[in-house]
mmCIF file of all heavy atoms, coordinates in Angstrom:
data_MODEL
# 
_entry.id   MODEL 
# 
loop_
_atom_site.group_PDB 
_atom_site.id 
_atom_site.type_symbol 
_atom_site.label_atom_id 
_atom_site.label_alt_id 
_atom_site.label_comp_id 
_atom_site.label_asym_id 
_atom_site.label_entity_id 
_atom_site.label_seq_id 
_atom_site.pdbx_PDB_ins_code 
_atom_site.Cartn_x 
_atom_site.Cartn_y 
_atom_site.Cartn_z 
_atom_site.occupancy 
_atom_site.B_iso_or_equiv 
_atom_site.pdbx_formal_charge 
_atom_site.auth_seq_id 
_atom_site.auth_comp_id 
_atom_site.auth_asym_id 
_atom_site.auth_atom_id 
_atom_site.pdbx_PDB_model_num 
ATOM 1   N N   . THR A 1 1  ? 173.655 -129.715 -91.772  1.00 0.00 ? 1  THR A N   1 
ATOM 2   C CA  . THR A 1 1  ? 172.650 -128.730 -91.366  1.00 0.00 ? 1  THR A CA  1 
ATOM 3   C C   . THR A 1 1  ? 172.738 -127.476 -92.232  1.00 0.00 ? 1  THR A C   1 
ATOM 4   O O   . THR A 1 1  ? 171.740 -126.785 -92.413  1.00 0.00 ? 1  THR A O   1 
ATOM 5   C CB  . THR A 1 1  ? 172.777 -128.358 -89.868  1.00 0.00 ? 1  THR A CB  1 
ATOM 6   O OG1 . THR A 1 1  ? 174.128 -127.992 -89.591  1.00 0.00 ? 1  THR A OG1 1 
ATOM 7   C CG2 . THR A 1 1  ? 172.354 -129.505 -88.985  1.00 0.00 ? 1  THR A CG2 1 
ATOM 8   N N   . GLU A 1 2  ? 173.906 -127.215 -92.812  1.00 0.00 ? 2  GLU A N   1 
ATOM 9   C CA  . GLU A 1 2  ? 174.044 -126.068 -93.729  1.00 0.00 ? 2  GLU A CA  1 
ATOM 10  C C   . GLU A 1 2  ? 173.275 -126.319 -95.030  1.00 0.00 ? 2  GLU A C   1 
ATOM 11  O O   . GLU A 1 2  ? 172.998 -125.382 -95.782  1.00 0.00 ? 2  GLU A O   1 
ATOM 12  C CB  . GLU A 1 2  ? 175.520 -125.784 -94.038  1.00 0.00 ? 2  GLU A CB  1 
ATOM 13  C CG  . GLU A 1 2  ? 176.307 -125.211 -92.872  1.00 0.00 ? 2  GLU A CG  1 
ATOM 14  C CD  . GLU A 1 2  ? 176.669 -126.265 -91.822  1.00 0.00 ? 2  GLU A CD  1 
ATOM 15  O OE1 . GLU A 1 2  ? 176.818 -127.457 -92.162  1.00 0.00 ? 2  GLU A OE1 1 
ATOM 16  O OE2 . GLU A 1 2  ? 176.780 -125.879 -90.638  1.00 0.00 ? 2  GLU A OE2 1 
ATOM 17  N N   . GLU A 1 3  ? 172.937 -127.567 -95.315  1.00 0.00 ? 3  GLU A N   1 
ATOM 18  C CA  . GLU A 1 3  ? 172.202 -127.916 -96.533  1.00 0.00 ? 3  GLU A CA  1 
ATOM 19  C C   . GLU A 1 3  ? 170.708 -128.127 -96.283  1.00 0.00 ? 3  GLU A C   1 
ATOM 20  O O   . GLU A 1 3  ? 170.017 -128.680 -97.120  1.00 0.00 ? 3  GLU A O   1 
ATOM 21  C CB  . GLU A 1 3  ? 172.790 -129.191 -97.150  1.00 0.00 ? 3  GLU A CB  1 
ATOM 22  C CG  . GLU A 1 3  ? 174.207 -129.025 -97.644  1.00 0.00 ? 3  GLU A CG  1 
ATOM 23  C CD  . GLU A 1 3  ? 174.815 -130.336 -98.083  1.00 0.00 ? 3  GLU A CD  1 
ATOM 24  O OE1 . GLU A 1 3  ? 174.924 -131.258 -97.245  1.00 0.00 ? 3  GLU A OE1 1 
ATOM 25  O OE2 . GLU A 1 3  ? 175.180 -130.433 -99.272  1.00 0.00 ? 3  GLU A OE2 1 
ATOM 26  N N   . VAL A 1 4  ? 170.237 -127.674 -95.138  1.00 0.00 ? 4  VAL A N   1 
ATOM 27  C CA  . VAL A 1 4  ? 168.831 -127.909 -94.800  1.00 0.00 ? 4  VAL A CA  1 
ATOM 28  C C   . VAL A 1 4  ? 167.895 -127.279 -95.828  1.00 0.00 ? 4  VAL A C   1 
ATOM 29  O O   . VAL A 1 4  ? 166.845 -127.842 -96.143  1.00 0.00 ? 4  VAL A O   1 
ATOM 30  C CB  . VAL A 1 4  ? 168.503 -127.467 -93.354  1.00 0.00 ? 4  VAL A CB  1 
ATOM 31  C CG1 . VAL A 1 4  ? 168.459 -125.942 -93.230  1.00 0.00 ? 4  VAL A CG1 1 
ATOM 32  C CG2 . VAL A 1 4  ? 167.197 -128.084 -92.888  1.00 0.00 ? 4  VAL A CG2 1 
ATOM 33  N N   . HIS A 1 5  ? 168.283 -126.142 -96.387  1.00 0.00 ? 5  HIS A N   1 
ATOM 34  C CA  . HIS A 1 5  ? 167.436 -125.500 -97.401  1.00 0.00 ? 5  HIS A CA  1 
ATOM 35  C C   . HIS A 1 5  ? 167.296 -126.396 -98.634  1.00 0.00 ? 5  HIS A C   1 
ATOM 36  O O   . HIS A 1 5  ? 166.208 -126.553 -99.184  1.00 0.00 ? 5  HIS A O   1 
ATOM 37  C CB  . HIS A 1 5  ? 167.998 -124.123 -97.780  1.00 0.00 ? 5  HIS A CB  1 
ATOM 38  C CG  . HIS A 1 5  ? 167.109 -123.353 -98.696  1.00 0.00 ? 5  HIS A CG  1 
ATOM 39  N ND1 . HIS A 1 5  ? 165.897 -122.832 -98.288  1.00 0.00 ? 5  HIS A ND1 1 
ATOM 40  C CD2 . HIS A 1 5  ? 167.235 -123.039 -100.009 1.00 0.00 ? 5  HIS A CD2 1 
ATOM 41  C CE1 . HIS A 1 5  ? 165.320 -122.222 -99.323  1.00 0.00 ? 5  HIS A CE1 1 
ATOM 42  N NE2 . HIS A 1 5  ? 166.105 -122.336 -100.366 1.00 0.00 ? 5  HIS A NE2 1 
ATOM 43  N N   . THR A 1 6  ? 168.397 -127.011 -99.053  1.00 0.00 ? 6  THR A N   1 
ATOM 44  C CA  . THR A 1 6  ? 168.360 -127.942 -100.186 1.00 0.00 ? 6  THR A CA  1 
ATOM 45  C C   . THR A 1 6  ? 167.456 -129.123 -99.867  1.00 0.00 ? 6  THR A C   1 
ATOM 46  O O   . THR A 1 6  ? 166.643 -129.539 -100.702 1.00 0.00 ? 6  THR A O   1 
ATOM 47  C CB  . THR A 1 6  ? 169.785 -128.447 -100.515 1.00 0.00 ? 6  THR A CB  1 
ATOM 48  O OG1 . THR A 1 6  ? 170.596 -127.323 -100.837 1.00 0.00 ? 6  THR A OG1 1 
ATOM 49  C CG2 . THR A 1 6  ? 169.774 -129.436 -101.666 1.00 0.00 ? 6  THR A CG2 1 
ATOM 50  N N   . LEU A 1 7  ? 167.586 -129.671 -98.655  1.00 0.00 ? 7  LEU A N   1 
ATOM 51  C CA  . LEU A 1 7  ? 166.744 -130.792 -98.232  1.00 0.00 ? 7  LEU A CA  1 
ATOM 52  C C   . LEU A 1 7  ? 165.270 -130.380 -98.235  1.00 0.00 ? 7  LEU A C   1 
ATOM 53  O O   . LEU A 1 7  ? 164.420 -131.122 -98.738  1.00 0.00 ? 7  LEU A O   1 
ATOM 54  C CB  . LEU A 1 7  ? 167.167 -131.289 -96.849  1.00 0.00 ? 7  LEU A CB  1 
ATOM 55  C CG  . LEU A 1 7  ? 166.319 -132.424 -96.252  1.00 0.00 ? 7  LEU A CG  1 
ATOM 56  C CD1 . LEU A 1 7  ? 166.343 -133.655 -97.136  1.00 0.00 ? 7  LEU A CD1 1 
ATOM 57  C CD2 . LEU A 1 7  ? 166.809 -132.745 -94.836  1.00 0.00 ? 7  LEU A CD2 1 
ATOM 58  N N   . CYS A 1 8  ? 164.966 -129.209 -97.679  1.00 0.00 ? 8  CYS A N   1 
ATOM 59  C CA  . CYS A 1 8  ? 163.573 -128.727 -97.642  1.00 0.00 ? 8  CYS A CA  1 
ATOM 60  C C   . CYS A 1 8  ? 162.974 -128.628 -99.039  1.00 0.00 ? 8  CYS A C   1 
ATOM 61  O O   . CYS A 1 8  ? 161.875 -129.129 -99.297  1.00 0.00 ? 8  CYS A O   1 
ATOM 62  C CB  . CYS A 1 8  ? 163.488 -127.354 -96.972  1.00 0.00 ? 8  CYS A CB  1 
ATOM 63  S SG  . CYS A 1 8  ? 163.855 -127.318 -95.229  1.00 0.00 ? 8  CYS A SG  1 
ATOM 64  N N   . GLU A 1 9  ? 163.702 -127.997 -99.935  1.00 0.00 ? 9  GLU A N   1 
ATOM 65  C CA  . GLU A 1 9  ? 163.199 -127.804 -101.309 1.00 0.00 ? 9  GLU A CA  1 
ATOM 66  C C   . GLU A 1 9  ? 163.052 -129.128 -102.037 1.00 0.00 ? 9  GLU A C   1 
ATOM 67  O O   . GLU A 1 9  ? 162.031 -129.378 -102.678 1.00 0.00 ? 9  GLU A O   1 
ATOM 68  C CB  . GLU A 1 9  ? 164.140 -126.887 -102.101 1.00 0.00 ? 9  GLU A CB  1 
ATOM 69  C CG  . GLU A 1 9  ? 163.965 -125.431 -101.774 1.00 0.00 ? 9  GLU A CG  1 
ATOM 70  C CD  . GLU A 1 9  ? 164.803 -124.544 -102.692 1.00 0.00 ? 9  GLU A CD  1 
ATOM 71  O OE1 . GLU A 1 9  ? 165.368 -125.041 -103.697 1.00 0.00 ? 9  GLU A OE1 1 
ATOM 72  O OE2 . GLU A 1 9  ? 164.891 -123.343 -102.404 1.00 0.00 ? 9  GLU A OE2 1 
ATOM 73  N N   . PHE A 1 10 ? 164.076 -129.970 -101.962 1.00 0.00 ? 10 PHE A N   1 
ATOM 74  C CA  . PHE A 1 10 ? 164.062 -131.240 -102.672 1.00 0.00 ? 10 PHE A CA  1 
ATOM 75  C C   . PHE A 1 10 ? 162.961 -132.157 -102.136 1.00 0.00 ? 10 PHE A C   1 
ATOM 76  O O   . PHE A 1 10 ? 162.177 -132.724 -102.902 1.00 0.00 ? 10 PHE A O   1 
ATOM 77  C CB  . PHE A 1 10 ? 165.434 -131.911 -102.553 1.00 0.00 ? 10 PHE A CB  1 
ATOM 78  C CG  . PHE A 1 10 ? 165.609 -133.109 -103.416 1.00 0.00 ? 10 PHE A CG  1 
ATOM 79  C CD1 . PHE A 1 10 ? 165.698 -132.987 -104.793 1.00 0.00 ? 10 PHE A CD1 1 
ATOM 80  C CD2 . PHE A 1 10 ? 165.720 -134.381 -102.861 1.00 0.00 ? 10 PHE A CD2 1 
ATOM 81  C CE1 . PHE A 1 10 ? 165.876 -134.108 -105.605 1.00 0.00 ? 10 PHE A CE1 1 
ATOM 82  C CE2 . PHE A 1 10 ? 165.893 -135.496 -103.657 1.00 0.00 ? 10 PHE A CE2 1 
ATOM 83  C CZ  . PHE A 1 10 ? 165.975 -135.367 -105.034 1.00 0.00 ? 10 PHE A CZ  1 
ATOM 84  N N   . ALA A 1 11 ? 162.867 -132.268 -100.810 1.00 0.00 ? 11 ALA A N   1 
ATOM 85  C CA  . ALA A 1 11 ? 161.859 -133.131 -100.197 1.00 0.00 ? 11 ALA A CA  1 
ATOM 86  C C   . ALA A 1 11 ? 160.448 -132.641 -100.513 1.00 0.00 ? 11 ALA A C   1 
ATOM 87  O O   . ALA A 1 11 ? 159.564 -133.437 -100.839 1.00 0.00 ? 11 ALA A O   1 
ATOM 88  C CB  . ALA A 1 11 ? 162.071 -133.192 -98.686  1.00 0.00 ? 11 ALA A CB  1 
ATOM 89  N N   . SER A 1 12 ? 160.237 -131.336 -100.437 1.00 0.00 ? 12 SER A N   1 
ATOM 90  C CA  . SER A 1 12 ? 158.917 -130.767 -100.740 1.00 0.00 ? 12 SER A CA  1 
ATOM 91  C C   . SER A 1 12 ? 158.517 -131.018 -102.190 1.00 0.00 ? 12 SER A C   1 
ATOM 92  O O   . SER A 1 12 ? 157.378 -131.394 -102.488 1.00 0.00 ? 12 SER A O   1 
ATOM 93  C CB  . SER A 1 12 ? 158.892 -129.261 -100.472 1.00 0.00 ? 12 SER A CB  1 
ATOM 94  O OG  . SER A 1 12 ? 159.027 -128.996 -99.102  1.00 0.00 ? 12 SER A OG  1 
ATOM 95  N N   . GLU A 1 13 ? 159.460 -130.792 -103.097 1.00 0.00 ? 13 GLU A N   1 
ATOM 96  C CA  . GLU A 1 13 ? 159.179 -130.970 -104.531 1.00 0.00 ? 13 GLU A CA  1 
ATOM 97  C C   . GLU A 1 13 ? 158.800 -132.418 -104.845 1.00 0.00 ? 13 GLU A C   1 
ATOM 98  O O   . GLU A 1 13 ? 157.813 -132.678 -105.543 1.00 0.00 ? 13 GLU A O   1 
ATOM 99  C CB  . GLU A 1 13 ? 160.406 -130.555 -105.338 1.00 0.00 ? 13 GLU A CB  1 
ATOM 100 C CG  . GLU A 1 13 ? 160.235 -130.662 -106.826 1.00 0.00 ? 13 GLU A CG  1 
ATOM 101 C CD  . GLU A 1 13 ? 161.495 -130.224 -107.562 1.00 0.00 ? 13 GLU A CD  1 
ATOM 102 O OE1 . GLU A 1 13 ? 162.012 -129.127 -107.260 1.00 0.00 ? 13 GLU A OE1 1 
ATOM 103 O OE2 . GLU A 1 13 ? 161.956 -130.992 -108.436 1.00 0.00 ? 13 GLU A OE2 1 
ATOM 104 N N   . ILE A 1 14 ? 159.566 -133.358 -104.327 1.00 0.00 ? 14 ILE A N   1 
ATOM 105 C CA  . ILE A 1 14 ? 159.294 -134.774 -104.602 1.00 0.00 ? 14 ILE A CA  1 
ATOM 106 C C   . ILE A 1 14 ? 157.981 -135.196 -103.962 1.00 0.00 ? 14 ILE A C   1 
ATOM 107 O O   . ILE A 1 14 ? 157.182 -135.915 -104.573 1.00 0.00 ? 14 ILE A O   1 
ATOM 108 C CB  . ILE A 1 14 ? 160.452 -135.661 -104.124 1.00 0.00 ? 14 ILE A CB  1 
ATOM 109 C CG1 . ILE A 1 14 ? 161.679 -135.437 -104.984 1.00 0.00 ? 14 ILE A CG1 1 
ATOM 110 C CG2 . ILE A 1 14 ? 160.058 -137.136 -104.157 1.00 0.00 ? 14 ILE A CG2 1 
ATOM 111 C CD1 . ILE A 1 14 ? 162.891 -136.211 -104.547 1.00 0.00 ? 14 ILE A CD1 1 
ATOM 112 N N   . TYR A 1 15 ? 157.740 -134.764 -102.739 1.00 0.00 ? 15 TYR A N   1 
ATOM 113 C CA  . TYR A 1 15 ? 156.501 -135.134 -102.054 1.00 0.00 ? 15 TYR A CA  1 
ATOM 114 C C   . TYR A 1 15 ? 155.297 -134.593 -102.828 1.00 0.00 ? 15 TYR A C   1 
ATOM 115 O O   . TYR A 1 15 ? 154.315 -135.307 -103.043 1.00 0.00 ? 15 TYR A O   1 
ATOM 116 C CB  . TYR A 1 15 ? 156.512 -134.609 -100.612 1.00 0.00 ? 15 TYR A CB  1 
ATOM 117 C CG  . TYR A 1 15 ? 155.440 -135.249 -99.773  1.00 0.00 ? 15 TYR A CG  1 
ATOM 118 C CD1 . TYR A 1 15 ? 155.704 -136.403 -99.042  1.00 0.00 ? 15 TYR A CD1 1 
ATOM 119 C CD2 . TYR A 1 15 ? 154.162 -134.717 -99.709  1.00 0.00 ? 15 TYR A CD2 1 
ATOM 120 C CE1 . TYR A 1 15 ? 154.725 -137.004 -98.281  1.00 0.00 ? 15 TYR A CE1 1 
ATOM 121 C CE2 . TYR A 1 15 ? 153.176 -135.315 -98.945  1.00 0.00 ? 15 TYR A CE2 1 
ATOM 122 C CZ  . TYR A 1 15 ? 153.458 -136.457 -98.233  1.00 0.00 ? 15 TYR A CZ  1 
ATOM 123 O OH  . TYR A 1 15 ? 152.490 -137.059 -97.484  1.00 0.00 ? 15 TYR A OH  1 
ATOM 124 N N   . TYR A 1 16 ? 155.382 -133.358 -103.252 1.00 0.00 ? 16 TYR A N   1 
ATOM 125 C CA  . TYR A 1 16 ? 154.301 -132.730 -104.020 1.00 0.00 ? 16 TYR A CA  1 
ATOM 126 C C   . TYR A 1 16 ? 154.038 -133.529 -105.304 1.00 0.00 ? 16 TYR A C   1 
ATOM 127 O O   . TYR A 1 16 ? 152.889 -133.873 -105.601 1.00 0.00 ? 16 TYR A O   1 
ATOM 128 C CB  . TYR A 1 16 ? 154.665 -131.282 -104.344 1.00 0.00 ? 16 TYR A CB  1 
ATOM 129 C CG  . TYR A 1 16 ? 153.567 -130.524 -105.048 1.00 0.00 ? 16 TYR A CG  1 
ATOM 130 C CD1 . TYR A 1 16 ? 152.610 -129.827 -104.316 1.00 0.00 ? 16 TYR A CD1 1 
ATOM 131 C CD2 . TYR A 1 16 ? 153.473 -130.519 -106.438 1.00 0.00 ? 16 TYR A CD2 1 
ATOM 132 C CE1 . TYR A 1 16 ? 151.585 -129.140 -104.964 1.00 0.00 ? 16 TYR A CE1 1 
ATOM 133 C CE2 . TYR A 1 16 ? 152.462 -129.836 -107.087 1.00 0.00 ? 16 TYR A CE2 1 
ATOM 134 C CZ  . TYR A 1 16 ? 151.515 -129.141 -106.340 1.00 0.00 ? 16 TYR A CZ  1 
ATOM 135 O OH  . TYR A 1 16 ? 150.505 -128.483 -106.989 1.00 0.00 ? 16 TYR A OH  1 
ATOM 136 N N   . GLU A 1 17 ? 155.089 -133.811 -106.061 1.00 0.00 ? 17 GLU A N   1 
ATOM 137 C CA  . GLU A 1 17 ? 154.934 -134.573 -107.312 1.00 0.00 ? 17 GLU A CA  1 
ATOM 138 C C   . GLU A 1 17 ? 154.293 -135.938 -107.067 1.00 0.00 ? 17 GLU A C   1 
ATOM 139 O O   . GLU A 1 17 ? 153.486 -136.403 -107.863 1.00 0.00 ? 17 GLU A O   1 
ATOM 140 C CB  . GLU A 1 17 ? 156.294 -134.818 -107.972 1.00 0.00 ? 17 GLU A CB  1 
ATOM 141 C CG  . GLU A 1 17 ? 156.933 -133.609 -108.586 1.00 0.00 ? 17 GLU A CG  1 
ATOM 142 C CD  . GLU A 1 17 ? 158.344 -133.903 -109.091 1.00 0.00 ? 17 GLU A CD  1 
ATOM 143 O OE1 . GLU A 1 17 ? 158.902 -135.000 -108.814 1.00 0.00 ? 17 GLU A OE1 1 
ATOM 144 O OE2 . GLU A 1 17 ? 158.907 -133.024 -109.778 1.00 0.00 ? 17 GLU A OE2 1 
ATOM 145 N N   . THR A 1 18 ? 154.660 -136.558 -105.971 1.00 0.00 ? 18 THR A N   1 
ATOM 146 C CA  . THR A 1 18 ? 154.194 -137.906 -105.675 1.00 0.00 ? 18 THR A CA  1 
ATOM 147 C C   . THR A 1 18 ? 152.726 -137.945 -105.255 1.00 0.00 ? 18 THR A C   1 
ATOM 148 O O   . THR A 1 18 ? 151.997 -138.852 -105.646 1.00 0.00 ? 18 THR A O   1 
ATOM 149 C CB  . THR A 1 18 ? 155.062 -138.540 -104.561 1.00 0.00 ? 18 THR A CB  1 
ATOM 150 O OG1 . THR A 1 18 ? 156.437 -138.513 -104.991 1.00 0.00 ? 18 THR A OG1 1 
ATOM 151 C CG2 . THR A 1 18 ? 154.653 -139.968 -104.270 1.00 0.00 ? 18 THR A CG2 1 
ATOM 152 N N   . PHE A 1 19 ? 152.281 -136.940 -104.489 1.00 0.00 ? 19 PHE A N   1 
ATOM 153 C CA  . PHE A 1 19 ? 150.972 -137.055 -103.846 1.00 0.00 ? 19 PHE A CA  1 
ATOM 154 C C   . PHE A 1 19 ? 149.936 -136.009 -104.234 1.00 0.00 ? 19 PHE A C   1 
ATOM 155 O O   . PHE A 1 19 ? 148.805 -136.082 -103.762 1.00 0.00 ? 19 PHE A O   1 
ATOM 156 C CB  . PHE A 1 19 ? 151.153 -137.050 -102.320 1.00 0.00 ? 19 PHE A CB  1 
ATOM 157 C CG  . PHE A 1 19 ? 151.927 -138.224 -101.829 1.00 0.00 ? 19 PHE A CG  1 
ATOM 158 C CD1 . PHE A 1 19 ? 153.209 -138.057 -101.322 1.00 0.00 ? 19 PHE A CD1 1 
ATOM 159 C CD2 . PHE A 1 19 ? 151.411 -139.507 -101.883 1.00 0.00 ? 19 PHE A CD2 1 
ATOM 160 C CE1 . PHE A 1 19 ? 153.945 -139.152 -100.885 1.00 0.00 ? 19 PHE A CE1 1 
ATOM 161 C CE2 . PHE A 1 19 ? 152.145 -140.603 -101.445 1.00 0.00 ? 19 PHE A CE2 1 
ATOM 162 C CZ  . PHE A 1 19 ? 153.416 -140.418 -100.936 1.00 0.00 ? 19 PHE A CZ  1 
ATOM 163 N N   . ILE A 1 20 ? 150.252 -135.060 -105.104 1.00 0.00 ? 20 ILE A N   1 
ATOM 164 C CA  . ILE A 1 20 ? 149.277 -134.020 -105.422 1.00 0.00 ? 20 ILE A CA  1 
ATOM 165 C C   . ILE A 1 20 ? 148.036 -134.597 -106.098 1.00 0.00 ? 20 ILE A C   1 
ATOM 166 O O   . ILE A 1 20 ? 146.932 -134.100 -105.879 1.00 0.00 ? 20 ILE A O   1 
ATOM 167 C CB  . ILE A 1 20 ? 149.888 -132.868 -106.259 1.00 0.00 ? 20 ILE A CB  1 
ATOM 168 C CG1 . ILE A 1 20 ? 148.899 -131.709 -106.390 1.00 0.00 ? 20 ILE A CG1 1 
ATOM 169 C CG2 . ILE A 1 20 ? 150.333 -133.364 -107.624 1.00 0.00 ? 20 ILE A CG2 1 
ATOM 170 C CD1 . ILE A 1 20 ? 148.408 -131.108 -105.085 1.00 0.00 ? 20 ILE A CD1 1 
ATOM 171 N N   . ASP A 1 21 ? 148.175 -135.641 -106.885 1.00 0.00 ? 21 ASP A N   1 
ATOM 172 C CA  . ASP A 1 21 ? 147.020 -136.185 -107.589 1.00 0.00 ? 21 ASP A CA  1 
ATOM 173 C C   . ASP A 1 21 ? 145.935 -136.707 -106.657 1.00 0.00 ? 21 ASP A C   1 
ATOM 174 O O   . ASP A 1 21 ? 144.778 -136.726 -107.023 1.00 0.00 ? 21 ASP A O   1 
ATOM 175 C CB  . ASP A 1 21 ? 147.448 -137.299 -108.554 1.00 0.00 ? 21 ASP A CB  1 
ATOM 176 C CG  . ASP A 1 21 ? 148.175 -136.757 -109.775 1.00 0.00 ? 21 ASP A CG  1 
ATOM 177 O OD1 . ASP A 1 21 ? 148.085 -135.534 -110.037 1.00 0.00 ? 21 ASP A OD1 1 
ATOM 178 O OD2 . ASP A 1 21 ? 148.848 -137.549 -110.456 1.00 0.00 ? 21 ASP A OD2 1 
ATOM 179 N N   . GLY A 1 22 ? 146.290 -137.114 -105.462 1.00 0.00 ? 22 GLY A N   1 
ATOM 180 C CA  . GLY A 1 22 ? 145.288 -137.648 -104.542 1.00 0.00 ? 22 GLY A CA  1 
ATOM 181 C C   . GLY A 1 22 ? 144.893 -136.700 -103.431 1.00 0.00 ? 22 GLY A C   1 
ATOM 182 O O   . GLY A 1 22 ? 144.193 -137.098 -102.501 1.00 0.00 ? 22 GLY A O   1 
ATOM 183 N N   . ASN A 1 23 ? 145.337 -135.445 -103.508 1.00 0.00 ? 23 ASN A N   1 
ATOM 184 C CA  . ASN A 1 23 ? 145.104 -134.509 -102.409 1.00 0.00 ? 23 ASN A CA  1 
ATOM 185 C C   . ASN A 1 23 ? 144.827 -133.107 -102.940 1.00 0.00 ? 23 ASN A C   1 
ATOM 186 O O   . ASN A 1 23 ? 145.257 -132.758 -104.031 1.00 0.00 ? 23 ASN A O   1 
ATOM 187 C CB  . ASN A 1 23 ? 146.336 -134.466 -101.497 1.00 0.00 ? 23 ASN A CB  1 
ATOM 188 C CG  . ASN A 1 23 ? 146.589 -135.786 -100.811 1.00 0.00 ? 23 ASN A CG  1 
ATOM 189 O OD1 . ASN A 1 23 ? 145.914 -136.133 -99.865  1.00 0.00 ? 23 ASN A OD1 1 
ATOM 190 N ND2 . ASN A 1 23 ? 147.547 -136.551 -101.320 1.00 0.00 ? 23 ASN A ND2 1 
ATOM 191 N N   . SER A 1 24 ? 144.134 -132.317 -102.138 1.00 0.00 ? 24 SER A N   1 
ATOM 192 C CA  . SER A 1 24 ? 143.848 -130.939 -102.546 1.00 0.00 ? 24 SER A CA  1 
ATOM 193 C C   . SER A 1 24 ? 145.104 -130.079 -102.401 1.00 0.00 ? 24 SER A C   1 
ATOM 194 O O   . SER A 1 24 ? 145.993 -130.377 -101.603 1.00 0.00 ? 24 SER A O   1 
ATOM 195 C CB  . SER A 1 24 ? 142.728 -130.353 -101.692 1.00 0.00 ? 24 SER A CB  1 
ATOM 196 O OG  . SER A 1 24 ? 143.193 -130.059 -100.385 1.00 0.00 ? 24 SER A OG  1 
ATOM 197 N N   . GLU A 1 25 ? 145.158 -129.029 -103.172 1.00 0.00 ? 25 GLU A N   1 
ATOM 198 C CA  . GLU A 1 25 ? 146.292 -128.089 -103.129 1.00 0.00 ? 25 GLU A CA  1 
ATOM 199 C C   . GLU A 1 25 ? 146.443 -127.499 -101.722 1.00 0.00 ? 25 GLU A C   1 
ATOM 200 O O   . GLU A 1 25 ? 147.571 -127.397 -101.210 1.00 0.00 ? 25 GLU A O   1 
ATOM 201 C CB  . GLU A 1 25 ? 146.070 -126.975 -104.158 1.00 0.00 ? 25 GLU A CB  1 
ATOM 202 C CG  . GLU A 1 25 ? 147.231 -126.020 -104.287 1.00 0.00 ? 25 GLU A CG  1 
ATOM 203 C CD  . GLU A 1 25 ? 148.455 -126.618 -104.958 1.00 0.00 ? 25 GLU A CD  1 
ATOM 204 O OE1 . GLU A 1 25 ? 148.317 -127.405 -105.896 1.00 0.00 ? 25 GLU A OE1 1 
ATOM 205 O OE2 . GLU A 1 25 ? 149.579 -126.259 -104.525 1.00 0.00 ? 25 GLU A OE2 1 
ATOM 206 N N   . ARG A 1 26 ? 145.359 -127.132 -101.077 1.00 0.00 ? 26 ARG A N   1 
ATOM 207 C CA  . ARG A 1 26 ? 145.404 -126.541 -99.745  1.00 0.00 ? 26 ARG A CA  1 
ATOM 208 C C   . ARG A 1 26 ? 145.974 -127.516 -98.720  1.00 0.00 ? 26 ARG A C   1 
ATOM 209 O O   . ARG A 1 26 ? 146.889 -127.175 -97.945  1.00 0.00 ? 26 ARG A O   1 
ATOM 210 C CB  . ARG A 1 26 ? 143.989 -126.105 -99.296  1.00 0.00 ? 26 ARG A CB  1 
ATOM 211 C CG  . ARG A 1 26 ? 143.957 -125.516 -97.887  1.00 0.00 ? 26 ARG A CG  1 
ATOM 212 C CD  . ARG A 1 26 ? 142.539 -125.323 -97.358  1.00 0.00 ? 26 ARG A CD  1 
ATOM 213 N NE  . ARG A 1 26 ? 141.736 -126.539 -97.344  1.00 0.00 ? 26 ARG A NE  1 
ATOM 214 C CZ  . ARG A 1 26 ? 141.829 -127.497 -96.416  1.00 0.00 ? 26 ARG A CZ  1 
ATOM 215 N NH1 . ARG A 1 26 ? 142.705 -127.395 -95.432  1.00 0.00 ? 26 ARG A NH1 1 
ATOM 216 N NH2 . ARG A 1 26 ? 141.061 -128.560 -96.468  1.00 0.00 ? 26 ARG A NH2 1 
ATOM 217 N N   . VAL A 1 27 ? 145.474 -128.746 -98.725  1.00 0.00 ? 27 VAL A N   1 
ATOM 218 C CA  . VAL A 1 27 ? 145.956 -129.759 -97.779  1.00 0.00 ? 27 VAL A CA  1 
ATOM 219 C C   . VAL A 1 27 ? 147.432 -130.047 -98.038  1.00 0.00 ? 27 VAL A C   1 
ATOM 220 O O   . VAL A 1 27 ? 148.234 -130.141 -97.109  1.00 0.00 ? 27 VAL A O   1 
ATOM 221 C CB  . VAL A 1 27 ? 145.104 -131.046 -97.877  1.00 0.00 ? 27 VAL A CB  1 
ATOM 222 C CG1 . VAL A 1 27 ? 145.767 -132.213 -97.171  1.00 0.00 ? 27 VAL A CG1 1 
ATOM 223 C CG2 . VAL A 1 27 ? 143.724 -130.788 -97.292  1.00 0.00 ? 27 VAL A CG2 1 
# 
């Protein structure tokens, strides 16, 4: 749980890279 910030950043970055091409920036 002390690494939740690392998890948040890493998960967000990978998700964004994976799905931004098919979705709007706002969504």
